[in-house]
Amino acid sequence: MGKVKLLTREQVLGARVQEKVIEVPQWGGSVRIRELTKQKELLLRSVARTADGQRDEAEFEKQLFLQSVVEPQFTAEDYEMLKQQAAAPLNLIVTEIIKLNFGGLEPAKAFEERERQFFPGNQ
């Protein structure tokens, strides 16, 4: 078994969020996405809810896109216009955002797994 390297507080606090450039062939170019901070993830989870507290998957995907695509930056109005276009580019970008932030698991499933792990009695 290899030697374990413990990080210092400074190393952890100095870590940067990851960015990735995604080629979007349908648009003829690329966009830059950024990993969510924990603060943004928590905010995203709270705003992407229906009035009765259920997950609102459409709002979650919209906010995930808007919070993660950093170049170019899009507005909520832009996103609504993009939804009227072909689905493939948005699906490609959202899939890459999910890989970057949730290890490839669908976010709702990732959150459910986390909730089961930390709050086993709430099922």
Protein backbone atom coordinates (compact mmCIF):
# COMPACT_ATOMS: atom_id res chain seq x y z
CA MET A 1 0.00 0.00 0.00
CA GLY A 2 1.36 3.44 -0.98
CA LYS A 3 2.17 6.21 1.38
CA VAL A 4 -0.77 8.50 2.16
CA LYS A 5 -0.16 12.19 1.58
CA LEU A 6 -2.10 14.41 3.94
CA LEU A 7 -2.86 17.87 2.64
CA THR A 8 -2.27 21.05 4.55
CA ARG A 9 -5.08 23.48 5.27
CA GLU A 10 -3.45 25.95 2.89
CA GLN A 11 -3.37 23.41 0.07
CA VAL A 12 -7.05 22.61 0.50
CA LEU A 13 -8.14 26.25 0.77
CA GLY A 14 -5.95 27.18 -2.20
CA ALA A 15 -7.48 24.57 -4.51
CA ARG A 16 -9.18 26.07 -7.54
CA VAL A 17 -12.39 25.01 -9.19
CA GLN A 18 -11.84 23.17 -12.44
CA GLU A 19 -12.71 24.54 -15.85
CA LYS A 20 -13.10 22.69 -19.10
CA VAL A 21 -13.55 23.75 -22.73
CA ILE A 22 -16.29 21.80 -24.49
CA GLU A 23 -16.41 21.50 -28.27
CA VAL A 24 -19.99 22.00 -29.49
CA PRO A 25 -19.91 20.95 -33.16
CA GLN A 26 -23.53 21.95 -33.77
CA TRP A 27 -22.63 25.54 -32.87
CA GLY A 28 -19.31 25.51 -34.73
CA GLY A 29 -17.15 26.25 -31.69
CA SER A 30 -16.57 25.76 -28.00
CA VAL A 31 -17.82 26.93 -24.61
CA ARG A 32 -16.04 27.01 -21.27
CA ILE A 33 -17.66 25.39 -18.24
CA ARG A 34 -16.66 25.73 -14.60
CA GLU A 35 -17.12 23.35 -11.71
CA LEU A 36 -19.74 24.50 -9.20
CA THR A 37 -18.62 25.76 -5.83
CA LYS A 38 -20.36 24.10 -2.90
CA GLN A 39 -22.16 27.40 -2.23
CA LYS A 40 -23.58 27.42 -5.78
CA GLU A 41 -24.52 23.75 -5.54
CA LEU A 42 -26.50 24.34 -2.34
CA LEU A 43 -28.23 27.37 -3.85
CA LEU A 44 -29.03 25.37 -6.96
CA ARG A 45 -30.58 22.59 -4.89
CA SER A 46 -32.76 25.07 -3.02
CA VAL A 47 -34.07 27.05 -6.02
CA ALA A 48 -34.77 24.01 -8.21
CA ARG A 49 -37.84 22.98 -6.21
CA THR A 50 -41.55 23.04 -6.95
CA ALA A 51 -44.00 24.79 -4.62
CA ASP A 52 -44.55 21.50 -2.75
CA GLY A 53 -40.81 20.91 -2.25
CA GLN A 54 -40.22 18.33 -5.01
CA ARG A 55 -37.22 18.55 -7.31
CA ASP A 56 -37.91 20.62 -10.41
CA GLU A 57 -35.68 18.88 -12.96
CA ALA A 58 -36.23 21.49 -15.69
CA GLU A 59 -35.29 24.36 -13.36
CA PHE A 60 -32.34 22.37 -12.02
CA GLU A 61 -30.97 21.80 -15.53
CA LYS A 62 -31.51 25.46 -16.43
CA GLN A 63 -29.70 26.71 -13.32
CA LEU A 64 -26.95 24.12 -13.74
CA PHE A 65 -26.35 25.39 -17.27
CA LEU A 66 -26.49 29.08 -16.30
CA GLN A 67 -24.20 28.67 -13.29
CA SER A 68 -21.65 26.46 -15.06
CA VAL A 69 -21.24 27.91 -18.55
CA VAL A 70 -18.86 30.82 -18.04
CA GLU A 71 -17.79 31.65 -21.57
CA PRO A 72 -19.89 32.88 -23.19
CA GLN A 73 -22.18 33.83 -20.31
CA PHE A 74 -25.88 33.25 -20.89
CA THR A 75 -28.95 34.81 -19.29
CA ALA A 76 -32.19 33.08 -18.32
CA GLU A 77 -33.76 34.62 -21.44
CA ASP A 78 -30.95 33.18 -23.59
CA TYR A 79 -31.58 29.75 -22.11
CA GLU A 80 -35.28 29.97 -22.97
CA MET A 81 -34.31 30.80 -26.56
CA LEU A 82 -31.82 27.93 -26.65
CA LYS A 83 -34.57 25.52 -25.56
CA GLN A 84 -36.37 26.36 -28.82
CA GLN A 85 -33.37 25.12 -30.82
CA ALA A 86 -31.94 21.63 -31.27
CA ALA A 87 -31.58 19.67 -28.02
CA ALA A 88 -28.23 18.05 -28.87
CA PRO A 89 -25.95 21.02 -28.03
CA LEU A 90 -27.62 21.66 -24.68
CA ASN A 91 -27.61 17.95 -23.85
CA LEU A 92 -23.91 17.73 -24.70
CA ILE A 93 -23.03 20.70 -22.49
CA VAL A 94 -25.21 19.58 -19.58
CA THR A 95 -23.74 16.07 -19.78
CA GLU A 96 -20.22 17.51 -19.52
CA ILE A 97 -21.27 19.73 -16.61
CA ILE A 98 -22.68 16.67 -14.84
CA LYS A 99 -19.45 14.72 -15.40
CA LEU A 100 -17.38 17.61 -14.05
CA ASN A 101 -19.53 18.13 -10.95
CA PHE A 102 -21.11 14.78 -10.14
CA GLY A 103 -18.76 12.17 -11.57
CA GLY A 104 -21.18 11.28 -14.34
CA LEU A 105 -24.13 10.50 -12.08
CA GLU A 106 -27.33 12.34 -12.85
CA PRO A 107 -27.45 15.15 -10.25
CA ALA A 108 -30.76 14.04 -8.76
CA LYS A 109 -29.37 10.53 -8.30
CA ALA A 110 -26.14 11.90 -6.85
CA PHE A 111 -28.14 13.95 -4.33
CA GLU A 112 -30.35 10.96 -3.48
CA GLU A 113 -27.27 8.80 -2.88
CA ARG A 114 -25.79 11.49 -0.63
CA GLU A 115 -29.06 11.87 1.29
CA ARG A 116 -29.30 8.08 1.77
CA GLN A 117 -25.73 7.96 2.99
CA PHE A 118 -26.03 10.80 5.48
CA PHE A 119 -29.72 10.66 6.37
CA PRO A 120 -30.70 6.97 6.17
CA GLY A 121 -33.92 7.41 8.13
CA ASN A 122 -35.40 10.01 5.76
CA GLN A 123 -36.37 7.60 2.98
